[in-house]
């Protein structure tokens, strides 16, 4: 049986993926038919999930560019959203 992708990674430099449907806690995060990690919590559709640890103060990278900065340490598989990020100061 073919595994169905449930997330999308836009750029090789990205440290997050985008859920293409809701991903439940404990469910594998699958990109390009490869299990990347396991969801540490429920991830809503169209939201970001960490593919690698992101330390507080480090950028969240999407499209190969920093889009926000972590305000808390973010573990692999965690939901990345307003509760644990802030805008990049320019």
N, C-alpha and C. Protein backbone atom coordinates (compact mmCIF):
# COMPACT_ATOMS: atom_id res chain seq x y z
N UNK A 1 0.84 -1.18 0.00
CA UNK A 1 0.00 0.00 0.00
C UNK A 1 0.88 1.24 0.00
N UNK A 2 0.59 2.18 -0.88
CA UNK A 2 1.36 3.42 -0.97
C UNK A 2 1.00 4.33 0.20
N UNK A 3 2.02 4.92 0.81
CA UNK A 3 1.83 5.85 1.91
C UNK A 3 1.40 7.19 1.33
N UNK A 4 0.44 7.84 1.99
CA UNK A 4 -0.05 9.13 1.50
C UNK A 4 0.68 10.27 2.21
N UNK A 5 1.19 11.20 1.41
CA UNK A 5 1.83 12.39 1.96
C UNK A 5 0.80 13.21 2.72
N UNK A 6 1.20 13.78 3.86
CA UNK A 6 0.31 14.64 4.62
C UNK A 6 0.94 15.99 4.93
N UNK A 7 2.13 16.24 4.38
CA UNK A 7 2.80 17.52 4.59
C UNK A 7 3.65 17.84 3.36
N UNK A 8 4.04 19.11 3.27
CA UNK A 8 4.79 19.60 2.12
C UNK A 8 5.96 20.44 2.62
N UNK A 9 7.14 20.13 2.13
CA UNK A 9 8.34 20.93 2.41
C UNK A 9 8.65 21.67 1.11
N UNK A 10 8.71 22.99 1.19
CA UNK A 10 8.84 23.83 0.00
C UNK A 10 10.28 23.89 -0.52
N UNK A 11 11.24 24.08 0.38
CA UNK A 11 12.63 24.32 0.01
C UNK A 11 13.53 23.42 0.86
N UNK A 12 14.64 22.96 0.31
CA UNK A 12 15.55 22.08 1.07
C UNK A 12 16.04 22.71 2.37
N UNK A 13 16.13 24.04 2.41
CA UNK A 13 16.62 24.73 3.61
C UNK A 13 15.55 24.87 4.70
N UNK A 14 14.29 24.57 4.39
CA UNK A 14 13.20 24.75 5.36
C UNK A 14 13.37 23.84 6.56
N UNK A 15 13.06 24.39 7.76
CA UNK A 15 13.07 23.58 8.97
C UNK A 15 11.65 23.27 9.45
N UNK A 16 10.67 23.64 8.63
CA UNK A 16 9.26 23.32 8.88
C UNK A 16 8.63 22.79 7.61
N UNK A 17 7.53 22.08 7.80
CA UNK A 17 6.71 21.63 6.68
C UNK A 17 5.30 22.17 6.91
N UNK A 18 4.49 22.12 5.87
CA UNK A 18 3.10 22.57 5.95
C UNK A 18 2.20 21.34 5.89
N UNK A 19 1.30 21.23 6.86
CA UNK A 19 0.35 20.13 6.87
C UNK A 19 -0.66 20.33 5.74
N UNK A 20 -0.82 19.33 4.88
CA UNK A 20 -1.78 19.46 3.78
C UNK A 20 -3.16 18.93 4.19
N UNK A 21 -3.23 18.39 5.38
CA UNK A 21 -4.48 18.00 6.03
C UNK A 21 -4.18 17.96 7.52
N UNK A 22 -5.19 17.85 8.36
CA UNK A 22 -4.95 17.75 9.79
C UNK A 22 -4.08 16.52 10.07
N UNK A 23 -3.09 16.70 10.92
CA UNK A 23 -2.22 15.60 11.34
C UNK A 23 -2.42 15.44 12.84
N UNK A 24 -2.79 14.24 13.25
CA UNK A 24 -3.07 13.97 14.66
C UNK A 24 -1.78 13.65 15.42
N UNK A 25 -1.77 13.98 16.72
CA UNK A 25 -0.66 13.64 17.60
C UNK A 25 -0.33 12.16 17.47
N UNK A 26 0.95 11.84 17.30
CA UNK A 26 1.41 10.47 17.19
C UNK A 26 1.42 9.93 15.77
N UNK A 27 0.86 10.70 14.84
CA UNK A 27 0.81 10.28 13.43
C UNK A 27 2.13 10.64 12.74
N UNK A 28 2.63 9.77 11.87
CA UNK A 28 3.85 10.12 11.11
C UNK A 28 3.60 11.31 10.19
N UNK A 29 4.60 12.15 10.06
CA UNK A 29 4.57 13.27 9.10
C UNK A 29 5.29 12.76 7.86
N UNK A 30 4.57 12.69 6.74
CA UNK A 30 5.11 12.07 5.53
C UNK A 30 5.22 13.10 4.42
N UNK A 31 6.45 13.23 3.90
CA UNK A 31 6.75 14.15 2.81
C UNK A 31 7.46 13.35 1.72
N UNK A 32 6.99 13.48 0.50
CA UNK A 32 7.60 12.75 -0.63
C UNK A 32 7.76 11.26 -0.31
N UNK A 33 6.71 10.68 0.26
CA UNK A 33 6.65 9.26 0.59
C UNK A 33 7.67 8.82 1.64
N UNK A 34 8.19 9.77 2.41
CA UNK A 34 9.18 9.48 3.45
C UNK A 34 8.68 9.99 4.80
N UNK A 35 8.75 9.15 5.83
CA UNK A 35 8.39 9.59 7.17
C UNK A 35 9.49 10.48 7.71
N UNK A 36 9.15 11.73 7.98
CA UNK A 36 10.13 12.72 8.44
C UNK A 36 10.22 12.79 9.96
N UNK A 37 9.08 12.62 10.63
CA UNK A 37 9.02 12.67 12.10
C UNK A 37 7.63 12.22 12.50
N UNK A 38 7.33 12.32 13.78
CA UNK A 38 6.01 12.01 14.31
C UNK A 38 5.46 13.28 14.93
N UNK A 39 4.19 13.56 14.68
CA UNK A 39 3.56 14.76 15.24
C UNK A 39 3.52 14.67 16.76
N UNK A 40 4.06 15.68 17.42
CA UNK A 40 4.09 15.73 18.89
C UNK A 40 2.77 16.24 19.46
N UNK A 41 1.95 16.82 18.60
CA UNK A 41 0.63 17.34 18.98
C UNK A 41 -0.21 17.42 17.72
N UNK A 42 -1.49 17.68 17.86
CA UNK A 42 -2.34 17.84 16.69
C UNK A 42 -1.88 19.07 15.90
N UNK A 43 -1.79 18.91 14.58
CA UNK A 43 -1.37 20.01 13.70
C UNK A 43 -2.54 20.30 12.75
N UNK A 44 -3.11 21.51 12.82
CA UNK A 44 -4.21 21.83 11.90
C UNK A 44 -3.74 21.87 10.44
N UNK A 45 -4.64 21.59 9.53
CA UNK A 45 -4.33 21.69 8.10
C UNK A 45 -3.83 23.10 7.78
N UNK A 46 -2.85 23.18 6.91
CA UNK A 46 -2.24 24.44 6.44
C UNK A 46 -1.32 25.09 7.46
N UNK A 47 -1.07 24.43 8.58
CA UNK A 47 -0.18 24.99 9.60
C UNK A 47 1.19 24.34 9.52
N UNK A 48 2.17 24.95 10.20
CA UNK A 48 3.55 24.50 10.15
C UNK A 48 3.84 23.48 11.25
N UNK A 49 4.74 22.55 10.92
CA UNK A 49 5.22 21.55 11.87
C UNK A 49 6.74 21.53 11.78
N UNK A 50 7.40 21.50 12.95
CA UNK A 50 8.87 21.51 12.98
C UNK A 50 9.44 20.19 12.51
N UNK A 51 10.39 20.26 11.59
CA UNK A 51 11.08 19.06 11.09
C UNK A 51 12.41 18.84 11.78
N UNK A 52 12.86 19.84 12.53
CA UNK A 52 14.10 19.74 13.30
C UNK A 52 13.93 20.63 14.53
N UNK A 53 14.74 20.44 15.56
CA UNK A 53 14.63 21.32 16.73
C UNK A 53 14.95 22.76 16.33
N UNK A 54 14.17 23.70 16.87
CA UNK A 54 14.39 25.13 16.61
C UNK A 54 14.51 25.80 17.98
N UNK A 55 15.71 26.24 18.30
CA UNK A 55 15.97 26.84 19.61
C UNK A 55 15.37 28.24 19.69
N UNK A 56 15.04 28.65 20.91
CA UNK A 56 14.53 30.00 21.13
C UNK A 56 15.50 31.01 20.50
N UNK A 57 14.95 31.98 19.79
CA UNK A 57 15.76 33.01 19.14
C UNK A 57 16.21 32.64 17.73
N UNK A 58 16.03 31.39 17.33
CA UNK A 58 16.45 30.94 15.99
C UNK A 58 15.31 31.12 14.99
N UNK A 59 15.65 31.29 13.72
CA UNK A 59 14.60 31.51 12.72
C UNK A 59 13.85 30.23 12.34
N UNK A 60 12.59 30.42 12.03
CA UNK A 60 11.79 29.40 11.38
C UNK A 60 11.92 29.68 9.89
N UNK A 61 12.36 28.67 9.13
CA UNK A 61 12.66 28.87 7.71
C UNK A 61 11.61 28.17 6.85
N UNK A 62 10.99 28.96 5.97
CA UNK A 62 10.02 28.45 5.00
C UNK A 62 10.31 29.15 3.68
N UNK A 63 10.16 28.47 2.59
CA UNK A 63 10.53 29.01 1.26
C UNK A 63 12.02 29.33 1.20
N UNK A 64 12.81 28.71 2.09
CA UNK A 64 14.24 28.96 2.12
C UNK A 64 14.63 30.26 2.81
N UNK A 65 13.66 30.95 3.41
CA UNK A 65 13.89 32.25 4.05
C UNK A 65 13.34 32.26 5.48
N UNK A 66 13.97 33.03 6.39
CA UNK A 66 13.40 33.14 7.73
C UNK A 66 12.07 33.89 7.67
N UNK A 67 11.03 33.32 8.28
CA UNK A 67 9.71 33.97 8.25
C UNK A 67 9.29 34.48 9.63
N UNK A 68 9.72 33.80 10.68
CA UNK A 68 9.48 34.20 12.07
C UNK A 68 10.64 33.68 12.91
N UNK A 69 10.64 34.05 14.20
CA UNK A 69 11.69 33.62 15.13
C UNK A 69 11.02 32.87 16.28
N UNK A 70 11.63 31.80 16.73
CA UNK A 70 11.08 31.01 17.84
C UNK A 70 11.17 31.80 19.15
N UNK A 71 10.07 31.84 19.89
CA UNK A 71 10.05 32.47 21.22
C UNK A 71 10.19 31.42 22.32
N UNK A 72 10.09 30.16 21.96
CA UNK A 72 10.29 29.02 22.86
C UNK A 72 11.11 27.99 22.09
N UNK A 73 11.73 27.08 22.80
CA UNK A 73 12.36 25.96 22.11
C UNK A 73 11.24 25.13 21.48
N UNK A 74 11.41 24.79 20.22
CA UNK A 74 10.41 24.02 19.49
C UNK A 74 11.02 22.67 19.13
N UNK A 75 10.38 21.62 19.56
CA UNK A 75 10.88 20.26 19.31
C UNK A 75 10.40 19.74 17.96
N UNK A 76 11.08 18.75 17.46
CA UNK A 76 10.65 18.07 16.23
C UNK A 76 9.23 17.57 16.42
N UNK A 77 8.39 17.84 15.42
CA UNK A 77 7.00 17.37 15.46
C UNK A 77 6.03 18.32 16.12
N UNK A 78 6.52 19.42 16.68
CA UNK A 78 5.62 20.38 17.32
C UNK A 78 5.00 21.32 16.30
N UNK A 79 3.82 21.84 16.68
CA UNK A 79 3.10 22.84 15.92
C UNK A 79 3.86 24.16 16.04
N UNK A 80 4.11 24.80 14.92
CA UNK A 80 4.80 26.10 14.89
C UNK A 80 3.76 27.14 14.48
N UNK A 81 3.47 28.06 15.41
CA UNK A 81 2.40 29.04 15.16
C UNK A 81 2.63 30.27 16.05
N UNK A 82 1.61 31.10 16.19
CA UNK A 82 1.72 32.35 16.94
C UNK A 82 2.11 32.16 18.40
N UNK A 83 1.78 31.03 18.99
CA UNK A 83 2.05 30.80 20.41
C UNK A 83 3.53 30.55 20.71
N UNK A 84 4.34 30.25 19.68
CA UNK A 84 5.76 29.98 19.94
C UNK A 84 6.69 30.67 18.95
N UNK A 85 6.19 31.74 18.30
CA UNK A 85 7.01 32.52 17.37
C UNK A 85 6.69 34.00 17.48
N UNK A 86 7.56 34.81 16.89
CA UNK A 86 7.32 36.26 16.75
C UNK A 86 7.87 36.69 15.40
N UNK A 87 7.44 37.86 14.90
CA UNK A 87 7.95 38.32 13.61
C UNK A 87 9.47 38.52 13.63
N UNK A 88 10.07 38.40 12.46
CA UNK A 88 11.49 38.70 12.30
C UNK A 88 11.63 40.21 12.35
N UNK A 89 12.54 40.69 13.20
CA UNK A 89 12.78 42.14 13.28
C UNK A 89 13.69 42.55 12.16
N UNK A 90 13.31 43.57 11.47
CA UNK A 90 14.09 43.97 10.31
C UNK A 90 14.69 45.29 10.46
